[in-house]
Amino acid sequence: MSKSILVLDENSVIHGLIASALDVEGLTLHHEFNPGMFMERANSLMPDLILIGNSDTDPDYRLPRSLKDNLASTPVVLLASSKEALTAEHLEQM
């Protein structure tokens, strides 16, 4: 059975790194670069896993929280860099 992962990030380098690391038979990667399309793409694909980077247009991490609301059974992994100031409160809200 094929599994799918949706990568939501504006940075094409991130997409490339993930694609090269997860080049596995039976795994389908879907990519979305446009933050305005993240929710629509996630809801239409209903992937098995979502990897999401924080968008410059969403500094408060609202999108990852809303993904969890709409796709409650789908694991969401936040792709954060060491430069991002994530607090315990941010993580608890995810």
C-alpha atoms as a PDB file:
ATOM      1  CA  MET A   1       0.000   0.000   0.000  1.00  0.00           C
ATOM      2  CA  SER A   2       1.393   3.377  -1.020  1.00  0.00           C
ATOM      3  CA  LYS A   3       1.751   6.102   1.597  1.00  0.00           C
ATOM      4  CA  SER A   4       1.746   9.793   0.826  1.00  0.00           C
ATOM      5  CA  ILE A   5       3.502  12.757   2.375  1.00  0.00           C
ATOM      6  CA  LEU A   6       2.595  16.351   1.667  1.00  0.00           C
ATOM      7  CA  VAL A   7       5.425  18.876   1.978  1.00  0.00           C
ATOM      8  CA  LEU A   8       4.213  22.432   2.562  1.00  0.00           C
ATOM      9  CA  ASP A   9       7.049  24.936   2.392  1.00  0.00           C
ATOM     10  CA  GLU A  10       7.908  28.033   0.372  1.00  0.00           C
ATOM     11  CA  ASN A  11      11.562  27.041   0.012  1.00  0.00           C
ATOM     12  CA  SER A  12      12.389  24.802  -2.947  1.00  0.00           C
ATOM     13  CA  VAL A  13      15.678  23.751  -1.302  1.00  0.00           C
ATOM     14  CA  ILE A  14      13.729  22.246   1.602  1.00  0.00           C
ATOM     15  CA  HIS A  15      11.559  20.338  -0.868  1.00  0.00           C
ATOM     16  CA  GLY A  16      14.649  19.019  -2.629  1.00  0.00           C
ATOM     17  CA  LEU A  17      16.290  17.861   0.591  1.00  0.00           C
ATOM     18  CA  ILE A  18      13.156  16.052   1.703  1.00  0.00           C
ATOM     19  CA  ALA A  19      12.702  14.459  -1.725  1.00  0.00           C
ATOM     20  CA  SER A  20      16.259  13.142  -1.746  1.00  0.00           C
ATOM     21  CA  ALA A  21      16.010  11.847   1.827  1.00  0.00           C
ATOM     22  CA  LEU A  22      12.646  10.148   1.289  1.00  0.00           C
ATOM     23  CA  ASP A  23      13.215   8.545  -2.088  1.00  0.00           C
ATOM     24  CA  VAL A  24      11.603   5.253  -1.052  1.00  0.00           C
ATOM     25  CA  GLU A  25       9.506   2.822  -3.047  1.00  0.00           C
ATOM     26  CA  GLY A  26       5.870   2.919  -2.016  1.00  0.00           C
ATOM     27  CA  LEU A  27       6.113   6.503  -0.779  1.00  0.00           C
ATOM     28  CA  THR A  28       4.606   9.358  -2.778  1.00  0.00           C
ATOM     29  CA  LEU A  29       5.683  12.916  -2.069  1.00  0.00           C
ATOM     30  CA  HIS A  30       3.424  15.816  -2.926  1.00  0.00           C
ATOM     31  CA  HIS A  31       4.772  19.359  -2.885  1.00  0.00           C
ATOM     32  CA  GLU A  32       3.111  22.735  -2.384  1.00  0.00           C
ATOM     33  CA  PHE A  33       5.133  25.946  -2.426  1.00  0.00           C
ATOM     34  CA  ASN A  34       2.320  28.509  -2.254  1.00  0.00           C
ATOM     35  CA  PRO A  35       1.197  29.250   1.348  1.00  0.00           C
ATOM     36  CA  GLY A  36      -2.168  30.414   0.046  1.00  0.00           C
ATOM     37  CA  MET A  37      -2.789  26.892  -1.271  1.00  0.00           C
ATOM     38  CA  PHE A  38      -1.566  24.889   1.754  1.00  0.00           C
ATOM     39  CA  MET A  39      -4.997  24.215   3.285  1.00  0.00           C
ATOM     40  CA  GLU A  40      -6.696  23.448  -0.016  1.00  0.00           C
ATOM     41  CA  ARG A  41      -3.932  21.047  -1.025  1.00  0.00           C
ATOM     42  CA  ALA A  42      -3.936  19.264   2.333  1.00  0.00           C
ATOM     43  CA  ASN A  43      -7.708  18.863   2.326  1.00  0.00           C
ATOM     44  CA  SER A  44      -7.799  17.599  -1.269  1.00  0.00           C
ATOM     45  CA  LEU A  45      -4.971  15.074  -0.888  1.00  0.00           C
ATOM     46  CA  MET A  46      -5.660  13.797   2.641  1.00  0.00           C
ATOM     47  CA  PRO A  47      -2.050  12.596   2.990  1.00  0.00           C
ATOM     48  CA  ASP A  48      -0.733  10.141   5.561  1.00  0.00           C
ATOM     49  CA  LEU A  49       1.752  12.722   6.892  1.00  0.00           C
ATOM     50  CA  ILE A  50       2.214  16.475   6.479  1.00  0.00           C
ATOM     51  CA  LEU A  51       5.569  18.229   6.757  1.00  0.00           C
ATOM     52  CA  ILE A  52       5.110  21.980   7.070  1.00  0.00           C
ATOM     53  CA  GLY A  53       7.529  24.870   7.279  1.00  0.00           C
ATOM     54  CA  ASN A  54       6.484  28.136   8.869  1.00  0.00           C
ATOM     55  CA  SER A  55       5.526  30.693   6.255  1.00  0.00           C
ATOM     56  CA  ASP A  56       6.752  34.286   6.424  1.00  0.00           C
ATOM     57  CA  THR A  57       3.105  35.250   6.067  1.00  0.00           C
ATOM     58  CA  ASP A  58       2.160  33.160   9.136  1.00  0.00           C
ATOM     59  CA  PRO A  59       4.634  34.014  11.917  1.00  0.00           C
ATOM     60  CA  ASP A  60       2.206  32.848  14.617  1.00  0.00           C
ATOM     61  CA  TYR A  61       1.986  29.241  13.370  1.00  0.00           C
ATOM     62  CA  ARG A  62      -1.762  29.419  12.748  1.00  0.00           C
ATOM     63  CA  LEU A  63      -1.626  27.161   9.699  1.00  0.00           C
ATOM     64  CA  PRO A  64      -0.173  24.105  11.470  1.00  0.00           C
ATOM     65  CA  ARG A  65      -2.858  24.437  14.137  1.00  0.00           C
ATOM     66  CA  SER A  66      -5.633  24.731  11.557  1.00  0.00           C
ATOM     67  CA  LEU A  67      -4.295  21.672   9.732  1.00  0.00           C
ATOM     68  CA  LYS A  68      -4.636  19.696  12.941  1.00  0.00           C
ATOM     69  CA  ASP A  69      -8.209  20.952  13.274  1.00  0.00           C
ATOM     70  CA  ASN A  70      -9.198  19.840   9.767  1.00  0.00           C
ATOM     71  CA  LEU A  71      -7.057  16.709   9.522  1.00  0.00           C
ATOM     72  CA  ALA A  72      -7.092  15.540  13.133  1.00  0.00           C
ATOM     73  CA  SER A  73      -5.902  12.008  12.382  1.00  0.00           C
ATOM     74  CA  THR A  74      -3.043  13.139  10.107  1.00  0.00           C
ATOM     75  CA  PRO A  75       0.321  13.629  11.822  1.00  0.00           C
ATOM     76  CA  VAL A  76       1.802  17.084  11.206  1.00  0.00           C
ATOM     77  CA  VAL A  77       5.539  17.686  11.568  1.00  0.00           C
ATOM     78  CA  LEU A  78       6.677  21.283  11.890  1.00  0.00           C
ATOM     79  CA  LEU A  79       9.884  22.022   9.978  1.00  0.00           C
ATOM     80  CA  ALA A  80      11.556  24.695  12.103  1.00  0.00           C
ATOM     81  CA  SER A  81      15.051  26.069  11.929  1.00  0.00           C
ATOM     82  CA  SER A  82      17.292  26.826  14.874  1.00  0.00           C
ATOM     83  CA  LYS A  83      16.727  30.532  14.149  1.00  0.00           C
ATOM     84  CA  GLU A  84      13.012  30.328  14.934  1.00  0.00           C
ATOM     85  CA  ALA A  85      12.011  31.366  18.430  1.00  0.00           C
ATOM     86  CA  LEU A  86       9.618  28.546  19.309  1.00  0.00           C
ATOM     87  CA  THR A  87       8.293  28.637  22.825  1.00  0.00           C
ATOM     88  CA  ALA A  88       6.706  25.871  24.862  1.00  0.00           C
ATOM     89  CA  GLU A  89       3.420  27.700  24.380  1.00  0.00           C
ATOM     90  CA  HIS A  90       3.778  27.524  20.587  1.00  0.00           C
ATOM     91  CA  LEU A  91       4.445  23.800  20.736  1.00  0.00           C
ATOM     92  CA  GLU A  92       1.559  23.097  23.121  1.00  0.00           C
ATOM     93  CA  GLN A  93      -0.811  24.836  20.726  1.00  0.00           C
ATOM     94  CA  MET A  94       0.258  22.642  17.798  1.00  0.00           C
END
